[in-house]
Protein backbone atom coordinates (compact mmCIF):
# COMPACT_ATOMS: atom_id res chain seq x y z
CA UNK A 1 104.89 186.58 26.53
CA UNK A 2 108.63 186.29 25.97
CA UNK A 3 110.07 182.90 25.07
CA UNK A 4 113.57 183.81 26.20
CA UNK A 5 115.22 181.20 28.35
CA UNK A 6 116.04 182.31 31.87
CA UNK A 7 119.81 182.18 32.13
CA UNK A 8 122.33 182.93 34.84
CA UNK A 9 123.35 186.02 32.89
CA UNK A 10 119.84 187.40 33.34
CA UNK A 11 119.99 186.80 37.10
CA UNK A 12 123.38 188.48 37.20
CA UNK A 13 121.91 191.44 35.33
CA UNK A 14 119.18 191.72 37.95
CA UNK A 15 121.75 191.69 40.74
CA UNK A 16 123.87 194.36 39.04
CA UNK A 17 121.10 196.73 38.01
CA UNK A 18 118.66 196.23 40.87
CA UNK A 19 121.00 195.69 43.81
CA UNK A 20 119.70 198.74 45.66
CA UNK A 21 116.09 197.59 45.38
CA UNK A 22 117.05 194.06 46.38
CA UNK A 23 118.98 195.36 49.40
CA UNK A 24 116.00 197.46 50.52
CA UNK A 25 113.63 194.50 50.11
CA UNK A 26 116.02 192.27 52.07
CA UNK A 27 116.01 194.80 54.91
CA UNK A 28 112.20 194.91 54.79
CA UNK A 29 112.16 191.11 54.93
CA UNK A 30 114.49 191.13 57.94
CA UNK A 31 112.17 193.59 59.71
CA UNK A 32 109.22 191.36 58.82
CA UNK A 33 111.03 188.37 60.33
CA UNK A 34 111.80 190.35 63.47
CA UNK A 35 108.17 191.41 63.79
CA UNK A 36 107.08 187.80 63.36
CA UNK A 37 109.48 186.72 66.12
CA UNK A 38 107.90 189.26 68.46
CA UNK A 39 104.22 188.92 67.60
CA UNK A 40 103.69 185.51 66.02
CA UNK A 41 106.64 183.33 67.07
CA UNK A 42 107.93 184.62 70.43
CA UNK A 43 111.08 182.92 71.78
CA UNK A 44 110.38 179.45 73.20
CA UNK A 45 112.68 177.27 75.27
CA UNK A 46 112.68 173.47 75.49
CA UNK A 47 114.05 171.30 78.31
CA UNK A 48 114.14 167.48 78.34
CA UNK A 49 114.04 165.01 81.24
CA UNK A 50 114.96 161.33 80.84
CA UNK A 51 113.08 158.43 82.46
CA UNK A 52 114.71 154.99 82.64
CA UNK A 53 112.50 151.90 82.31
CA UNK A 54 114.30 148.88 83.90
CA UNK A 55 113.67 145.38 82.67
CA UNK A 56 112.81 144.02 79.25
CA UNK A 57 110.47 146.12 77.17
CA UNK A 58 109.11 145.48 73.73
CA UNK A 59 108.87 148.28 71.19
CA UNK A 60 105.08 148.45 71.33
CA UNK A 61 105.25 148.68 75.13
CA UNK A 62 107.66 151.62 74.89
CA UNK A 63 105.30 153.35 72.47
CA UNK A 64 102.48 152.81 74.95
CA UNK A 65 104.55 154.44 77.67
CA UNK A 66 105.25 157.40 75.35
CA UNK A 67 101.51 157.88 74.86
CA UNK A 68 100.96 157.66 78.62
CA UNK A 69 103.64 160.32 79.24
CA UNK A 70 101.79 162.85 77.07
CA UNK A 71 98.28 161.83 78.09
CA UNK A 72 95.89 164.25 79.73
CA UNK A 73 95.95 162.19 82.93
CA UNK A 74 99.67 162.89 83.39
CA UNK A 75 99.70 166.47 82.06
CA UNK A 76 96.68 167.52 84.16
CA UNK A 77 98.41 166.25 87.30
CA UNK A 78 101.55 168.15 86.29
CA UNK A 79 99.52 171.34 85.75
CA UNK A 80 97.95 170.99 89.20
CA UNK A 81 101.37 170.45 90.77
CA UNK A 82 102.91 173.45 88.98
CA UNK A 83 100.06 175.77 89.84
CA UNK A 84 100.77 178.27 87.06
CA UNK A 85 98.13 180.96 86.99
CA UNK A 86 95.91 180.85 83.92
CA UNK A 87 97.58 177.71 82.50
CA UNK A 88 95.47 174.57 82.27
CA UNK A 89 96.40 171.03 81.45
CA UNK A 90 94.90 171.37 77.98
CA UNK A 91 97.29 174.23 77.18
CA UNK A 92 100.26 172.36 78.61
CA UNK A 93 99.46 169.27 76.55
CA UNK A 94 100.46 171.17 73.41
CA UNK A 95 103.78 172.06 75.05
CA UNK A 96 104.76 168.53 76.13
CA UNK A 97 106.28 165.89 73.87
CA UNK A 98 107.84 162.49 74.50
CA UNK A 99 109.84 160.00 72.47
CA UNK A 100 111.49 156.64 73.07
CA UNK A 101 115.28 156.63 72.92
CA UNK A 102 117.80 153.81 72.92
CA UNK A 103 118.31 151.86 76.14
CA UNK A 104 114.68 151.88 77.35
CA UNK A 105 114.80 155.63 77.94
CA UNK A 106 111.88 157.97 77.40
CA UNK A 107 112.74 161.63 76.86
CA UNK A 108 110.02 164.00 78.02
CA UNK A 109 110.36 167.55 76.65
CA UNK A 110 108.56 170.64 77.87
CA UNK A 111 108.42 173.96 76.02
CA UNK A 112 107.75 177.32 77.72
CA UNK A 113 108.48 181.00 77.29
CA UNK A 114 111.37 181.01 79.79
CA UNK A 115 114.15 178.48 80.48
CA UNK A 116 113.06 178.11 84.12
CA UNK A 117 109.46 177.30 83.28
CA UNK A 118 110.56 174.82 80.60
CA UNK A 119 112.78 173.04 83.12
CA UNK A 120 110.07 172.88 85.79
CA UNK A 121 107.52 171.65 83.25
CA UNK A 122 109.63 168.75 81.98
CA UNK A 123 110.67 167.70 85.52
CA UNK A 124 107.11 167.75 86.80
CA UNK A 125 105.71 165.81 83.85
CA UNK A 126 108.45 163.18 84.23
CA UNK A 127 107.69 162.79 87.93
CA UNK A 128 103.95 162.53 87.36
CA UNK A 129 104.53 160.01 84.58
CA UNK A 130 106.57 157.74 86.87
CA UNK A 131 103.92 157.95 89.58
CA UNK A 132 101.04 157.31 87.19
CA UNK A 133 102.84 154.41 85.46
CA UNK A 134 103.51 152.79 88.84
CA UNK A 135 99.84 152.99 89.72
CA UNK A 136 98.84 151.43 86.40
CA UNK A 137 101.37 148.60 86.79
CA UNK A 138 100.05 147.71 90.24
CA UNK A 139 102.03 149.87 92.54
CA UNK A 140 98.80 150.98 94.24
CA UNK A 141 96.85 147.68 94.07
CA UNK A 142 94.65 146.14 96.76
CA UNK A 143 96.32 146.58 100.20
CA UNK A 144 95.32 143.03 101.18
CA UNK A 145 97.24 141.61 98.25
CA UNK A 146 100.26 143.75 99.05
CA UNK A 147 100.09 142.65 102.71
CA UNK A 148 99.84 138.97 101.72
CA UNK A 149 102.87 139.22 99.49
CA UNK A 150 104.89 140.87 102.18
CA UNK A 151 103.79 138.21 104.70
CA UNK A 152 104.87 135.50 102.27
CA UNK A 153 108.31 137.04 102.01
CA UNK A 154 108.59 137.10 105.78
CA UNK A 155 107.53 133.45 106.00
CA UNK A 156 110.14 132.46 103.44
CA UNK A 157 112.82 134.36 105.31
CA UNK A 158 111.77 132.71 108.57
CA UNK A 159 111.81 129.29 106.90
CA UNK A 160 115.33 129.92 105.63
CA UNK A 161 116.47 130.71 109.15
CA UNK A 162 114.84 127.51 110.45
CA UNK A 163 116.56 125.51 107.75
CA UNK A 164 119.87 127.00 108.77
CA UNK A 165 119.22 126.14 112.42
CA UNK A 166 118.26 122.57 111.57
CA UNK A 167 121.35 122.14 109.43
CA UNK A 168 123.54 123.39 112.23
CA UNK A 169 121.78 121.18 114.80
CA UNK A 170 122.35 118.04 112.78
CA UNK A 171 125.40 116.05 113.79
CA UNK A 172 127.83 117.31 111.14
CA UNK A 173 129.81 114.58 109.49
CA UNK A 174 128.92 111.85 112.03
CA UNK A 175 126.40 109.70 110.26
CA UNK A 176 124.97 109.14 106.84
CA UNK A 177 121.55 110.20 108.06
CA UNK A 178 122.84 113.62 109.15
CA UNK A 179 124.47 114.24 105.79
CA UNK A 180 121.28 113.31 103.97
CA UNK A 181 119.28 115.60 106.26
CA UNK A 182 121.53 118.57 105.55
CA UNK A 183 121.34 117.82 101.82
CA UNK A 184 117.57 117.78 101.90
CA UNK A 185 117.50 121.03 103.87
CA UNK A 186 119.71 122.75 101.30
CA UNK A 187 117.48 121.52 98.48
CA UNK A 188 114.50 122.97 100.31
CA UNK A 189 116.26 126.32 100.74
CA UNK A 190 117.13 126.40 97.05
CA UNK A 191 113.55 125.60 96.04
CA UNK A 192 112.21 128.39 98.23
CA UNK A 193 114.64 130.92 96.79
CA UNK A 194 113.74 129.93 93.20
CA UNK A 195 110.06 130.20 93.99
CA UNK A 196 110.45 133.69 95.44
CA UNK A 197 112.54 134.80 92.48
CA UNK A 198 109.89 133.58 90.05
CA UNK A 199 107.22 135.31 92.09
CA UNK A 200 109.06 138.61 91.99
CA UNK A 201 109.67 138.33 88.24
CA UNK A 202 106.00 137.61 87.63
CA UNK A 203 104.93 140.64 89.68
CA UNK A 204 104.51 143.58 87.22
CA UNK A 205 104.85 146.07 90.02
CA UNK A 206 108.34 144.72 90.69
CA UNK A 207 109.38 144.13 87.09
CA UNK A 208 108.24 147.23 85.14
CA UNK A 209 106.87 149.80 87.51
CA UNK A 210 110.13 150.80 89.09
CA UNK A 211 110.86 153.63 86.63
CA UNK A 212 113.56 156.11 87.53
CA UNK A 213 113.85 159.81 86.63
CA UNK A 214 117.47 160.27 85.61
CA UNK A 215 118.04 163.56 87.34
CA UNK A 216 116.53 167.01 86.75
CA UNK A 217 116.23 168.36 83.24
CA UNK A 218 119.12 170.64 82.24
CA UNK A 219 118.10 174.28 81.92
CA UNK A 220 118.12 175.33 78.21
CA UNK A 221 120.65 177.96 77.22
CA UNK A 222 119.14 178.87 73.85
CA UNK A 223 115.71 179.33 72.32
CA UNK A 224 114.10 176.56 70.33
CA UNK A 225 113.74 176.76 66.56
CA UNK A 226 112.70 178.94 64.87
CA UNK A 227 114.86 181.40 66.75
CA UNK A 228 114.66 185.14 66.27
CA UNK A 229 117.84 185.19 64.20
CA UNK A 230 116.52 182.39 62.00
CA UNK A 231 113.31 184.33 61.37
CA UNK A 232 115.23 187.51 60.55
CA UNK A 233 117.58 185.77 58.12
CA UNK A 234 114.72 183.73 56.66
CA UNK A 235 112.61 186.84 56.10
CA UNK A 236 115.47 188.64 54.36
CA UNK A 237 116.18 185.67 52.09
CA UNK A 238 112.48 185.16 51.35
CA UNK A 239 111.93 188.76 50.27
CA UNK A 240 115.16 188.71 48.26
CA UNK A 241 114.15 185.56 46.39
CA UNK A 242 110.62 186.85 45.81
CA UNK A 243 112.07 190.04 44.32
CA UNK A 244 114.34 188.11 41.95
CA UNK A 245 111.53 185.75 40.96
CA UNK A 246 109.23 188.73 40.43
CA UNK A 247 111.74 190.32 38.05
CA UNK A 248 112.09 187.07 36.13
CA UNK A 249 108.33 186.61 35.93
CA UNK A 250 107.87 190.18 34.70
CA UNK A 251 110.47 189.63 32.00
CA UNK A 252 108.82 186.35 31.08
CA UNK A 253 105.40 187.90 30.53
CA UNK A 254 106.78 191.05 28.90
CA UNK A 255 105.20 191.83 25.52
CA UNK A 256 107.84 194.30 24.35
CA UNK A 257 109.13 193.52 20.89
CA UNK A 258 112.81 192.67 20.78
CA UNK A 259 113.45 191.40 17.25
CA UNK A 260 113.54 193.46 14.07
CA UNK A 261 111.01 191.31 12.14
CA UNK A 262 108.46 191.74 14.93
CA UNK A 263 108.95 195.52 14.95
CA UNK A 264 108.62 195.71 11.17
CA UNK A 265 105.45 193.60 11.22
CA UNK A 266 103.84 195.80 13.90
CA UNK A 267 104.56 199.04 11.98
CA UNK A 268 103.74 197.52 8.59
CA UNK A 269 106.89 198.70 6.86
CA UNK A 270 110.38 197.54 5.91
CA UNK A 271 113.49 197.79 8.02
CA UNK A 272 116.04 200.15 6.48
CA UNK A 273 118.83 199.38 8.88
CA UNK A 274 120.17 199.27 12.40
CA UNK A 275 122.30 202.09 13.76
CA UNK A 276 124.48 202.32 16.83
CA UNK A 277 124.26 205.00 19.48
CA UNK A 278 127.15 205.35 21.95
CA UNK A 279 125.76 204.77 25.43
CA UNK A 280 126.01 207.57 27.96
CA UNK A 281 125.61 207.17 31.68
CA UNK A 282 122.12 208.20 32.67
CA UNK A 283 121.02 208.74 29.06
CA UNK A 284 118.01 206.49 29.48
CA UNK A 285 116.89 208.01 32.76
CA UNK A 286 113.71 210.08 32.79
CA UNK A 287 114.25 213.79 33.12
CA UNK A 288 111.17 214.59 35.17
CA UNK A 289 111.74 215.39 38.83
CA UNK A 290 109.65 215.11 41.95
CA UNK A 291 109.91 213.04 45.09
CA UNK A 292 108.75 209.85 43.39
CA UNK A 293 111.36 210.27 40.68
CA UNK A 294 114.07 210.80 43.29
CA UNK A 295 113.00 207.67 45.15
CA UNK A 296 112.99 205.65 41.94
CA UNK A 297 116.43 207.01 41.09
CA UNK A 298 117.69 206.16 44.57
CA UNK A 299 116.40 202.58 44.31
CA UNK A 300 117.74 202.22 40.79
CA UNK A 301 114.33 201.42 39.26
CA UNK A 302 114.24 204.43 36.96
CA UNK A 303 116.09 202.48 34.26
CA UNK A 304 115.19 199.14 32.74
CA UNK A 305 117.13 196.10 33.81
CA UNK A 306 116.02 193.63 31.14
CA UNK A 307 117.78 195.35 28.27
CA UNK A 308 120.92 193.44 27.26
CA UNK A 309 124.28 194.91 28.12
CA UNK A 310 125.39 197.23 25.28
CA UNK A 311 127.87 195.54 22.97
CA UNK A 312 131.11 197.18 22.03
CA UNK A 313 130.88 198.67 18.56
CA UNK A 314 133.40 199.99 16.11
CA UNK A 315 134.76 203.49 16.08
CA UNK A 316 132.97 206.67 15.05
CA UNK A 317 133.70 206.14 11.38
CA UNK A 318 132.01 202.74 11.42
CA UNK A 319 128.94 204.15 13.13
CA UNK A 320 128.65 207.02 10.63
CA UNK A 321 128.78 204.54 7.76
CA UNK A 322 125.60 202.91 9.10
CA UNK A 323 123.80 206.26 9.17
CA UNK A 324 124.95 207.12 5.65
CA UNK A 325 123.70 203.81 4.30
CA UNK A 326 120.26 204.46 5.80
CA UNK A 327 120.20 207.90 4.18
CA UNK A 328 121.28 206.37 0.86
CA UNK A 329 118.42 203.85 0.96
CA UNK A 330 115.98 206.68 1.63
CA UNK A 331 117.25 208.63 -1.39
CA UNK A 332 116.84 205.59 -3.61
CA UNK A 333 113.17 205.04 -2.80
CA UNK A 334 111.93 208.63 -2.37
CA UNK A 335 111.04 210.98 -5.21
CA UNK A 336 112.27 214.56 -5.20
CA UNK A 337 111.88 216.65 -3.11
CA UNK A 338 112.93 214.17 -0.46
CA UNK A 339 111.26 215.41 2.70
CA UNK A 340 110.54 213.03 5.57
CA UNK A 341 108.94 213.25 8.98
CA UNK A 342 111.09 211.32 11.49
CA UNK A 343 108.83 209.95 14.25
CA UNK A 344 110.46 209.03 17.56
CA UNK A 345 108.48 207.49 20.47
CA UNK A 346 108.41 209.83 23.41
CA UNK A 347 110.84 208.79 26.14
CA UNK A 348 113.08 206.76 23.83
CA UNK A 349 116.33 208.62 24.42
CA UNK A 350 118.42 206.24 22.32
CA UNK A 351 116.09 206.66 19.33
CA UNK A 352 116.05 210.45 19.78
CA UNK A 353 119.84 210.61 19.64
CA UNK A 354 119.87 208.31 16.60
CA UNK A 355 117.36 210.58 14.84
CA UNK A 356 119.57 213.59 15.55
CA UNK A 357 122.55 211.79 14.04
CA UNK A 358 120.49 210.90 10.97
CA UNK A 359 119.65 214.59 10.51
CA UNK A 360 123.35 215.43 10.83
CA UNK A 361 124.31 212.88 8.16
CA UNK A 362 121.55 213.89 5.72
CA UNK A 363 122.56 216.03 2.74
CA UNK A 364 120.69 218.95 1.25
CA UNK A 365 118.61 216.68 -0.99
CA UNK A 366 117.24 214.78 2.06
CA UNK A 367 115.35 217.01 4.47
CA UNK A 368 114.37 215.41 7.78
CA UNK A 369 112.13 216.83 10.50
CA UNK A 370 112.04 215.06 13.89
CA UNK A 371 108.96 214.88 16.10
CA UNK A 372 108.42 212.96 19.31
CA UNK A 373 105.10 211.16 19.58
CA UNK A 374 103.47 209.94 22.79
CA UNK A 375 102.83 206.20 22.70
CA UNK A 376 99.80 206.54 24.99
CA UNK A 377 97.89 208.89 22.67
CA UNK A 378 99.97 209.17 19.49
CA UNK A 379 99.24 212.19 17.28
CA UNK A 380 101.29 212.83 14.16
CA UNK A 381 101.18 216.19 12.32
CA UNK A 382 99.10 216.22 9.16
CA UNK A 383 100.89 215.67 5.91
CA UNK A 384 102.33 218.73 4.27
CA UNK A 385 105.23 218.54 1.87
CA UNK A 386 106.65 215.33 3.38
CA UNK A 387 106.97 212.22 1.27
CA UNK A 388 106.35 209.89 4.21
CA UNK A 389 107.34 208.96 7.73
CA UNK A 390 110.53 207.35 8.98
CA UNK A 391 110.09 205.67 12.38
CA UNK A 392 113.19 205.52 14.58
CA UNK A 393 113.00 203.48 17.79
CA UNK A 394 115.02 201.18 20.02
CA UNK A 395 114.35 197.45 20.34
CA UNK A 396 112.87 195.94 23.47
CA UNK A 397 111.16 199.15 24.57
CA UNK A 398 107.67 199.04 23.05
CA UNK A 399 104.84 196.56 22.70
CA UNK A 400 103.10 195.62 19.48
CA UNK A 401 99.98 197.54 20.52
CA UNK A 402 102.00 200.74 21.06
CA UNK A 403 103.71 200.44 17.67
CA UNK A 404 100.41 199.70 15.95
CA UNK A 405 99.05 202.86 17.57
CA UNK A 406 101.93 204.90 16.09
CA UNK A 407 101.30 203.37 12.65
CA UNK A 408 97.61 204.23 12.88
CA UNK A 409 98.45 207.79 13.95
CA UNK A 410 100.66 208.12 10.87
CA UNK A 411 97.81 206.87 8.72
CA UNK A 412 95.44 209.38 10.34
CA UNK A 413 97.86 212.16 9.38
CA UNK A 414 97.86 210.83 5.78
CA UNK A 415 101.47 209.70 6.09
CA UNK A 416 102.95 206.49 4.74
CA UNK A 417 105.58 204.74 6.83
CA UNK A 418 108.38 204.40 4.30
CA UNK A 419 110.88 202.73 6.59
CA UNK A 420 112.02 201.80 10.06
CA UNK A 421 115.37 202.37 11.73
CA UNK A 422 116.23 200.45 14.88
CA UNK A 423 118.70 202.14 17.23
CA UNK A 424 120.87 200.16 19.62
CA UNK A 425 122.93 201.52 22.50
CA UNK A 426 126.56 200.41 22.32
CA UNK A 427 129.81 201.07 24.09
CA UNK A 428 131.80 203.65 22.19
CA UNK A 429 135.30 203.07 20.87
CA UNK A 430 138.20 205.44 20.13
CA UNK A 431 138.06 207.29 16.86
CA UNK A 432 140.05 205.58 14.10
CA UNK A 433 141.86 208.44 12.36
CA UNK A 434 143.37 206.30 9.62
CA UNK A 435 140.02 205.73 7.90
CA UNK A 436 138.75 209.29 8.18
CA UNK A 437 138.94 211.58 5.17
CA UNK A 438 140.74 214.92 5.02
CA UNK A 439 143.93 213.70 6.68
CA UNK A 440 142.32 212.10 9.72
CA UNK A 441 140.00 215.02 10.43
CA UNK A 442 136.34 214.29 11.12
CA UNK A 443 134.19 215.53 8.22
CA UNK A 444 132.40 218.74 8.88
CA UNK A 445 128.96 218.20 10.33
CA UNK A 446 126.11 220.62 9.89
CA UNK A 447 126.16 223.35 12.46
CA UNK A 448 123.52 223.51 15.19
CA UNK A 449 121.67 226.20 13.26
CA UNK A 450 121.66 224.07 10.08
CA UNK A 451 120.49 221.02 12.00
CA UNK A 452 117.57 222.93 13.45
CA UNK A 453 116.57 223.89 9.94
CA UNK A 454 115.80 220.26 9.22
CA UNK A 455 115.01 218.90 12.68
CA UNK A 456 112.50 220.49 15.00
CA UNK A 457 112.31 218.13 17.98
CA UNK A 458 109.25 218.54 20.11
CA UNK A 459 105.95 216.98 21.12
CA UNK A 460 103.56 216.69 18.22
CA UNK A 461 100.15 218.11 18.88
CA UNK A 462 98.66 217.69 15.42
CA UNK A 463 97.98 220.14 12.67
CA UNK A 464 99.94 221.06 9.60
CA UNK A 465 103.67 221.55 9.89
């Protein structure tokens, strides 16, 4: 597992090198969100009706009324009144909600698959709630009690009229007795009015049962959350984030060796040096064709994204100095004749190009032969006249198990790994003519025919070379 810290630069590298794959996954996520909006979360519409509760209500009483508004007794009556085919009160109960708002107002919301049905549902539930609450508060009590109360009101009204007649019949302003009589009559009228007011306030049917539906519910103009657009955007973002997190997790658990000491420890040899290879567009892409390869190339997944961006190196003269130093170290530790087998992991294009440059820089006293070895089943040619094996590879491309396999294959072929060269892809720079010998002219390199004399690239199949 890699211990590298996840940085913003790594996320930016994913976005730059995997933008095609991320775009395709985002489109797939959007299609997934659209399918969910059609099959799992079809569009739903919500309408709300307001019911006013006159009088003084405590908070717990309002909460009780909210529970009554969504009770099965109210919703079942609303379902019967609506008469929707195949829709029972139990199903509607999941589509009805209520909450207490400021000012003794209860908002009753109904959700349905069309705006019209949502409006009718909320209006009907509000109406049934008002009717049911009035019945609970005493609006439909014993008829005898209701008749007695009404008769009492009539008696009080008749008594008030009699008091008025008696006050008018008294001799106004003539005697002290008449003034006292009118005063007593007015006191009696006031007492009767206070008694009736207290009676009405004590009657729950008069105080708290007179709820009012504040008009029809407005028809909804948009679908309730989550809307289809929200599901589409959410699906695209979800798949995009999962793809980025998947890339980061894969890089986190990657076992490819990135540092030179780790590579040297896996191959059991010393590092002779690090050489630079000018990066070429598409150099690290696999050459095999086929439909799968074309799809991978189209999505941009045919190249690795987790390799760091190539650094800018010096000019050609500086790069050749690195190769010459490696060749010099080989001459110092090898006896004559200095023949080496250069092993390159199959598919490592950067290492293959570095091995070719090493062959070009080698002199006549250092003969190099290049072979590519499969990391899945590595087979190295048996030892002939070679003095050992030089392994050339790029960092961050191979695991410890794969490199150990190459080392064991070298041992099976009776070869000793005399050194390791790590190749790194870099951005090239203009040739610096001032430091080149022969008046700024690049030194003569071995011709293609001479190079082939020392380097025979190909897949090793075993046997003597």
